[in-house]
Amino acid sequence: MPATGVWSGCAAAFVFGVKFRRALPTIAAGVMIAGIVVTTVTITGIGLADLILGA
C-alpha cells in the first residue's frame, strides 16, 4: 500500500541507489520495530481500558 513504511522505504532505497543487500535487512528491521511498537501500544491500551472500566 503506498505511503506505508515499507513502500516508502523501498522507494527511498531505489531513489538513493541503496543496494538491495543493504536495503532489505534495514526495511525488515523497520517492519519488526513498527510491529513491536503497535503491539505494545495495543496491549497497553487494552490493559488501561480494563483497569479503568473494571472489566
Protein backbone atom coordinates (compact mmCIF):
# COMPACT_ATOMS: atom_id res chain seq x y z
CA MET A 1 0.00 0.00 0.00
CA PRO A 2 1.52 3.35 -0.97
CA ALA A 3 2.61 5.70 1.83
CA THR A 4 3.30 2.87 4.28
CA GLY A 5 6.73 2.44 5.84
CA VAL A 6 7.76 -0.50 3.68
CA TRP A 7 6.63 1.07 0.44
CA SER A 8 8.31 4.37 1.29
CA GLY A 9 11.48 2.58 2.41
CA CYS A 10 11.69 0.66 -0.86
CA ALA A 11 11.08 3.80 -2.88
CA ALA A 12 13.71 5.75 -0.91
CA ALA A 13 16.23 2.93 -1.31
CA PHE A 14 15.65 2.95 -5.07
CA VAL A 15 15.85 6.74 -5.38
CA PHE A 16 19.06 6.98 -3.33
CA GLY A 17 20.64 3.98 -5.04
CA VAL A 18 20.90 1.79 -1.93
CA LYS A 19 21.89 -1.74 -2.86
CA PHE A 20 19.32 -4.50 -2.27
CA ARG A 21 21.60 -6.38 0.14
CA ARG A 22 21.73 -3.33 2.43
CA ALA A 23 18.12 -2.15 1.98
CA LEU A 24 16.36 -5.46 2.68
CA PRO A 25 17.57 -6.01 6.27
CA THR A 26 17.05 -2.35 7.12
CA ILE A 27 13.48 -2.34 5.81
CA ALA A 28 12.75 -5.67 7.52
CA ALA A 29 14.07 -4.30 10.82
CA GLY A 30 11.82 -1.26 10.42
CA VAL A 31 8.80 -3.50 9.92
CA MET A 32 9.66 -5.53 13.02
CA ILE A 33 10.18 -2.43 15.15
CA ALA A 34 6.88 -0.97 13.95
CA GLY A 35 5.12 -4.24 14.78
CA ILE A 36 6.58 -4.26 18.29
CA VAL A 37 5.56 -0.64 18.87
CA VAL A 38 1.99 -1.18 17.62
CA THR A 39 1.62 -4.38 19.65
CA THR A 40 2.93 -2.68 22.81
CA VAL A 41 0.60 0.29 22.40
CA THR A 42 -2.36 -2.00 21.76
CA ILE A 43 -1.68 -4.23 24.76
CA THR A 44 -1.12 -1.19 26.97
CA GLY A 45 -4.36 0.39 25.77
CA ILE A 46 -6.33 -2.78 26.41
CA GLY A 47 -4.77 -3.08 29.88
CA LEU A 48 -5.60 0.52 30.72
CA ALA A 49 -9.16 0.11 29.46
CA ASP A 50 -9.60 -2.97 31.66
CA LEU A 51 -8.16 -1.10 34.63
CA ILE A 52 -10.33 1.99 34.14
CA LEU A 53 -13.53 0.18 33.21
CA GLY A 54 -13.03 -2.58 35.76
CA ALA A 55 -13.71 -5.33 33.26
